[in-house]
C-alpha atoms as a PDB file:
ATOM      1  CA  ARG A   1     253.439  21.931 206.489  1.00  0.00           C
ATOM      2  CA  GLY A   2     255.146  24.546 204.645  1.00  0.00           C
ATOM      3  CA  ALA A   3     257.680  25.743 206.412  1.00  0.00           C
ATOM      4  CA  ARG A   4     260.596  27.474 205.238  1.00  0.00           C
ATOM      5  CA  VAL A   5     264.183  26.681 207.375  1.00  0.00           C
ATOM      6  CA  SER A   6     266.326  27.486 205.798  1.00  0.00           C
ATOM      7  CA  GLY A   7     269.019  27.269 208.350  1.00  0.00           C
ATOM      8  CA  GLY A   8     269.337  27.790 212.413  1.00  0.00           C
ATOM      9  CA  ALA A   9     270.274  24.996 215.082  1.00  0.00           C
ATOM     10  CA  PHE A  10     267.898  23.613 216.905  1.00  0.00           C
ATOM     11  CA  ASP A  11     268.251  21.561 220.294  1.00  0.00           C
ATOM     12  CA  LEU A  12     266.230  19.162 221.272  1.00  0.00           C
ATOM     13  CA  SER A  13     268.128  17.695 224.756  1.00  0.00           C
ATOM     14  CA  ALA A  14     265.175  19.080 226.648  1.00  0.00           C
ATOM     15  CA  GLY A  15     262.029  19.037 224.512  1.00  0.00           C
ATOM     16  CA  SER A  16     260.632  19.231 221.842  1.00  0.00           C
ATOM     17  CA  LEU A  17     259.862  21.661 219.230  1.00  0.00           C
ATOM     18  CA  PHE A  18     256.492  22.172 216.766  1.00  0.00           C
ATOM     19  CA  LEU A  19     256.958  24.002 214.164  1.00  0.00           C
ATOM     20  CA  GLY A  20     253.413  24.937 212.562  1.00  0.00           C
ATOM     21  CA  ALA A  21     252.324  25.681 208.729  1.00  0.00           C
ATOM     22  CA  ASN A  22     253.979  28.220 206.990  1.00  0.00           C
ATOM     23  CA  THR A  23     256.552  28.799 209.871  1.00  0.00           C
ATOM     24  CA  VAL A  24     259.747  30.221 208.473  1.00  0.00           C
ATOM     25  CA  VAL A  25     263.109  30.493 210.305  1.00  0.00           C
ATOM     26  CA  GLU A  26     265.983  32.423 208.910  1.00  0.00           C
ATOM     27  CA  PRO A  27     269.390  31.124 208.972  1.00  0.00           C
ATOM     28  CA  GLY A  28     271.219  32.036 212.354  1.00  0.00           C
ATOM     29  CA  THR A  29     268.551  31.515 214.618  1.00  0.00           C
ATOM     30  CA  LEU A  30     268.608  28.907 217.442  1.00  0.00           C
ATOM     31  CA  VAL A  31     265.583  27.095 218.850  1.00  0.00           C
ATOM     32  CA  ARG A  32     265.337  25.532 222.044  1.00  0.00           C
ATOM     33  CA  GLY A  33     263.338  22.984 222.833  1.00  0.00           C
ATOM     34  CA  PRO A  34     260.232  22.481 224.739  1.00  0.00           C
ATOM     35  CA  THR A  35     259.022  24.848 221.846  1.00  0.00           C
ATOM     36  CA  LEU A  36     255.664  25.730 220.160  1.00  0.00           C
ATOM     37  CA  VAL A  37     256.192  27.946 217.471  1.00  0.00           C
ATOM     38  CA  GLY A  38     252.132  28.495 215.838  1.00  0.00           C
ATOM     39  CA  ALA A  39     251.274  29.143 212.373  1.00  0.00           C
ATOM     40  CA  GLY A  40     252.785  31.663 210.034  1.00  0.00           C
ATOM     41  CA  VAL A  41     255.626  33.050 212.411  1.00  0.00           C
ATOM     42  CA  THR A  42     259.126  34.043 211.218  1.00  0.00           C
ATOM     43  CA  LEU A  43     261.908  33.508 213.257  1.00  0.00           C
ATOM     44  CA  ARG A  44     264.270  36.159 211.888  1.00  0.00           C
ATOM     45  CA  HIS A  45     268.371  35.827 211.894  1.00  0.00           C
ATOM     46  CA  GLY A  46     269.306  36.580 215.485  1.00  0.00           C
ATOM     47  CA  ALA A  47     266.620  34.883 217.101  1.00  0.00           C
ATOM     48  CA  TYR A  48     267.131  33.068 220.211  1.00  0.00           C
ATOM     49  CA  VAL A  49     264.370  30.995 221.750  1.00  0.00           C
ATOM     50  CA  ARG A  50     265.917  29.469 224.881  1.00  0.00           C
ATOM     51  CA  GLY A  51     262.797  26.809 225.539  1.00  0.00           C
ATOM     52  CA  ASP A  52     259.783  26.697 227.813  1.00  0.00           C
ATOM     53  CA  VAL A  53     258.340  29.130 224.914  1.00  0.00           C
ATOM     54  CA  VAL A  54     254.521  29.118 223.162  1.00  0.00           C
ATOM     55  CA  LEU A  55     254.402  31.736 219.755  1.00  0.00           C
ATOM     56  CA  GLY A  56     250.754  31.776 219.039  1.00  0.00           C
ATOM     57  CA  ALA A  57     250.254  32.258 215.374  1.00  0.00           C
ATOM     58  CA  ASN A  58     251.985  34.990 212.485  1.00  0.00           C
ATOM     59  CA  GLY A  59     254.473  36.483 215.073  1.00  0.00           C
ATOM     60  CA  VAL A  60     257.623  37.624 213.921  1.00  0.00           C
ATOM     61  CA  PHE A  61     260.353  36.997 216.463  1.00  0.00           C
ATOM     62  CA  GLY A  62     264.304  38.242 216.226  1.00  0.00           C
ATOM     63  CA  GLY A  63     265.289  38.582 219.906  1.00  0.00           C
ATOM     64  CA  GLU A  64     265.401  36.400 222.792  1.00  0.00           C
ATOM     65  CA  LEU A  65     262.897  34.163 224.475  1.00  0.00           C
ATOM     66  CA  LYS A  66     262.561  32.389 227.358  1.00  0.00           C
ATOM     67  CA  ASN A  67     260.066  31.140 229.279  1.00  0.00           C
ATOM     68  CA  VAL A  68     257.429  33.290 227.495  1.00  0.00           C
ATOM     69  CA  LEU A  69     253.847  32.816 226.098  1.00  0.00           C
ATOM     70  CA  ALA A  70     252.783  35.075 223.042  1.00  0.00           C
ATOM     71  CA  LEU A  71     249.391  35.403 222.138  1.00  0.00           C
ATOM     72  CA  ASP A  72     248.734  35.606 217.865  1.00  0.00           C
ATOM     73  CA  GLU A  73     250.683  38.059 216.325  1.00  0.00           C
ATOM     74  CA  ALA A  74     252.506  39.393 219.235  1.00  0.00           C
ATOM     75  CA  GLU A  75     256.138  40.862 217.944  1.00  0.00           C
ATOM     76  CA  LEU A  76     259.303  41.419 219.392  1.00  0.00           C
ATOM     77  CA  PRO A  77     261.457  41.208 215.562  1.00  0.00           C
ATOM     78  CA  HIS A  78     264.778  43.248 217.011  1.00  0.00           C
ATOM     79  CA  THR A  79     267.113  42.402 219.043  1.00  0.00           C
ATOM     80  CA  GLY A  80     265.635  42.620 222.331  1.00  0.00           C
ATOM     81  CA  TYR A  81     264.689  40.345 225.360  1.00  0.00           C
ATOM     82  CA  CYS A  82     261.899  38.966 226.737  1.00  0.00           C
ATOM     83  CA  GLY A  83     261.669  36.385 229.804  1.00  0.00           C
ATOM     84  CA  ASP A  84     259.258  34.968 232.268  1.00  0.00           C
ATOM     85  CA  SER A  85     256.246  37.278 230.415  1.00  0.00           C
ATOM     86  CA  LEU A  86     253.292  36.373 228.550  1.00  0.00           C
ATOM     87  CA  LEU A  87     252.641  38.739 225.632  1.00  0.00           C
ATOM     88  CA  GLY A  88     248.946  39.520 224.591  1.00  0.00           C
ATOM     89  CA  HIS A  89     247.518  39.249 220.945  1.00  0.00           C
ATOM     90  CA  HIS A  90     248.926  42.133 218.722  1.00  0.00           C
ATOM     91  CA  ALA A  91     251.900  43.145 221.279  1.00  0.00           C
ATOM     92  CA  HIS A  92     254.866  44.676 220.053  1.00  0.00           C
ATOM     93  CA  PHE A  93     258.470  45.325 220.988  1.00  0.00           C
ATOM     94  CA  GLY A  94     260.479  48.024 219.443  1.00  0.00           C
ATOM     95  CA  CYS A  95     264.302  47.323 218.511  1.00  0.00           C
ATOM     96  CA  GLY A  96     266.314  46.887 221.726  1.00  0.00           C
ATOM     97  CA  ALA A  97     263.109  46.625 224.260  1.00  0.00           C
ATOM     98  CA  VAL A  98     263.848  44.374 227.614  1.00  0.00           C
ATOM     99  CA  THR A  99     261.956  43.073 230.438  1.00  0.00           C
ATOM    100  CA  ALA A 100     264.080  42.518 233.039  1.00  0.00           C
ATOM    101  CA  ASN A 101     262.514  39.756 235.256  1.00  0.00           C
ATOM    102  CA  PHE A 102     265.269  39.338 237.979  1.00  0.00           C
ATOM    103  CA  PRO A 103     265.303  41.432 240.357  1.00  0.00           C
ATOM    104  CA  LEU A 104     268.593  43.471 241.624  1.00  0.00           C
ATOM    105  CA  PHE A 105     269.713  41.673 244.562  1.00  0.00           C
ATOM    106  CA  ALA A 106     269.332  38.239 244.240  1.00  0.00           C
ATOM    107  CA  ALA A 107     267.432  37.677 247.966  1.00  0.00           C
ATOM    108  CA  SER A 108     264.478  39.355 246.841  1.00  0.00           C
ATOM    109  CA  ARG A 109     261.257  38.019 244.873  1.00  0.00           C
ATOM    110  CA  PRO A 110     259.129  40.335 242.619  1.00  0.00           C
ATOM    111  CA  VAL A 111     256.853  42.299 244.499  1.00  0.00           C
ATOM    112  CA  LEU A 112     253.927  44.391 243.010  1.00  0.00           C
ATOM    113  CA  THR A 113     251.988  47.543 245.395  1.00  0.00           C
ATOM    114  CA  LEU A 114     248.784  47.755 244.352  1.00  0.00           C
ATOM    115  CA  ARG A 115     246.097  50.177 245.383  1.00  0.00           C
ATOM    116  CA  GLY A 116     248.464  50.242 248.720  1.00  0.00           C
ATOM    117  CA  THR A 117     248.640  46.250 248.969  1.00  0.00           C
ATOM    118  CA  ARG A 118     251.923  44.537 248.447  1.00  0.00           C
ATOM    119  CA  TYR A 119     251.647  40.936 246.208  1.00  0.00           C
ATOM    120  CA  ASP A 120     254.076  39.024 246.485  1.00  0.00           C
ATOM    121  CA  LEU A 121     254.424  37.500 242.815  1.00  0.00           C
ATOM    122  CA  GLY A 122     255.317  33.807 244.244  1.00  0.00           C
ATOM    123  CA  ARG A 123     258.042  33.155 241.748  1.00  0.00           C
ATOM    124  CA  ARG A 124     261.797  34.222 241.661  1.00  0.00           C
ATOM    125  CA  LYS A 125     261.752  35.361 238.470  1.00  0.00           C
ATOM    126  CA  PHE A 126     259.105  38.011 237.267  1.00  0.00           C
ATOM    127  CA  GLY A 127     259.447  39.245 233.772  1.00  0.00           C
ATOM    128  CA  ALA A 128     256.264  40.871 232.660  1.00  0.00           C
ATOM    129  CA  VAL A 129     252.833  41.474 231.194  1.00  0.00           C
ATOM    130  CA  LEU A 130     251.854  43.329 227.697  1.00  0.00           C
ATOM    131  CA  GLY A 131     248.631  43.079 227.226  1.00  0.00           C
ATOM    132  CA  ASP A 132     247.018  43.121 223.476  1.00  0.00           C
ATOM    133  CA  GLY A 133     247.289  45.878 221.165  1.00  0.00           C
ATOM    134  CA  SER A 134     250.722  47.233 224.043  1.00  0.00           C
ATOM    135  CA  GLN A 135     253.684  48.263 222.642  1.00  0.00           C
ATOM    136  CA  LEU A 136     257.158  48.682 224.156  1.00  0.00           C
ATOM    137  CA  GLY A 137     258.880  51.091 222.482  1.00  0.00           C
ATOM    138  CA  CYS A 138     262.624  51.204 221.563  1.00  0.00           C
ATOM    139  CA  ASN A 139     264.987  50.715 224.032  1.00  0.00           C
ATOM    140  CA  GLY A 140     262.436  50.613 226.118  1.00  0.00           C
ATOM    141  CA  VAL A 141     263.101  47.880 230.115  1.00  0.00           C
ATOM    142  CA  THR A 142     260.280  47.040 232.493  1.00  0.00           C
ATOM    143  CA  GLU A 143     261.206  46.266 236.079  1.00  0.00           C
ATOM    144  CA  PRO A 144     260.361  42.421 236.851  1.00  0.00           C
ATOM    145  CA  GLY A 145     256.472  42.685 237.779  1.00  0.00           C
ATOM    146  CA  CYS A 146     255.501  44.734 235.353  1.00  0.00           C
ATOM    147  CA  LEU A 147     252.215  44.891 234.070  1.00  0.00           C
ATOM    148  CA  ILE A 148     250.776  46.804 230.739  1.00  0.00           C
ATOM    149  CA  ALA A 149     247.410  46.943 230.393  1.00  0.00           C
ATOM    150  CA  PRO A 150     245.598  46.718 226.835  1.00  0.00           C
ATOM    151  CA  ASP A 151     246.279  49.464 224.251  1.00  0.00           C
ATOM    152  CA  THR A 152     248.919  51.166 226.060  1.00  0.00           C
ATOM    153  CA  HIS A 153     251.726  52.320 224.519  1.00  0.00           C
ATOM    154  CA  ALA A 154     255.382  53.324 226.358  1.00  0.00           C
ATOM    155  CA  TYR A 155     257.513  55.705 224.210  1.00  0.00           C
ATOM    156  CA  PRO A 156     261.113  54.969 223.356  1.00  0.00           C
ATOM    157  CA  LEU A 157     263.782  54.982 226.030  1.00  0.00           C
ATOM    158  CA  CYS A 158     261.659  54.476 228.515  1.00  0.00           C
ATOM    159  CA  ARG A 159     261.823  52.701 232.439  1.00  0.00           C
ATOM    160  CA  LEU A 160     259.145  51.324 233.805  1.00  0.00           C
ATOM    161  CA  ALA A 161     258.994  50.618 236.907  1.00  0.00           C
ATOM    162  CA  ARG A 162     256.699  47.765 238.122  1.00  0.00           C
ATOM    163  CA  GLY A 163     253.330  48.072 238.518  1.00  0.00           C
ATOM    164  CA  VAL A 164     250.171  48.778 237.195  1.00  0.00           C
ATOM    165  CA  TYR A 165     250.273  50.690 233.455  1.00  0.00           C
ATOM    166  CA  GLY A 166     247.511  50.844 231.632  1.00  0.00           C
ATOM    167  CA  PRO A 167     244.636  50.475 229.462  1.00  0.00           C
ATOM    168  CA  HIS A 168     244.996  52.929 226.932  1.00  0.00           C
ATOM    169  CA  GLU A 169     247.721  55.426 228.127  1.00  0.00           C
ATOM    170  CA  LEU A 170     250.065  56.763 226.217  1.00  0.00           C
ATOM    171  CA  LEU A 171     253.642  56.782 228.832  1.00  0.00           C
ATOM    172  CA  LYS A 172     255.722  59.390 227.685  1.00  0.00           C
ATOM    173  CA  ASN A 173     259.733  59.494 228.701  1.00  0.00           C
ATOM    174  CA  ARG A 174     261.067  63.362 229.488  1.00  0.00           C
ATOM    175  CA  PRO A 175     264.433  62.833 230.381  1.00  0.00           C
ATOM    176  CA  THR A 176     266.579  66.044 230.644  1.00  0.00           C
ATOM    177  CA  ILE A 177     269.755  66.835 228.389  1.00  0.00           C
ATOM    178  CA  GLU A 178     272.162  69.012 230.726  1.00  0.00           C
ATOM    179  CA  ARG A 179     274.732  70.405 228.689  1.00  0.00           C
ATOM    180  CA  ALA A 180     278.314  71.630 230.308  1.00  0.00           C
ATOM    181  CA  PRO A 181     280.713  73.628 227.761  1.00  0.00           C
END
């Protein structure tokens, strides 16, 4: 009811698609099932929803999503990638932000060390958990197995190693620039 589909492509070969009330699907969007899109969501031009995705109400998405659960008001409004991840209420991705979900070496699996104990996350692929009200700045990257607690904000260009961040932290990247004549 009230959904506005002004373009896009829909692939239902692997599962169904549900669009909530007042959802907007802009031209240039590709959505593959199974996917559930909550009420009031905007799928912007360039959004690529690859399936096994649940998007809560009133979110904005313009990047690539795969195996994602996004709670209400979560946003990946620009180009970026979020795979095998959980996005909390009002979590936000800046332009170009990426959750890496596959370890560098194919034989390894995402592992998290917490308080000196190593935990195998039990999955071949594991992106990130971005807590309620948290933000990953423009062109930020998370390694597989990154847990970002509520109200934690990573500055643009941050590379977050696997681990636990927050809650209520501001993560700043301090790159240095070397100048040569």
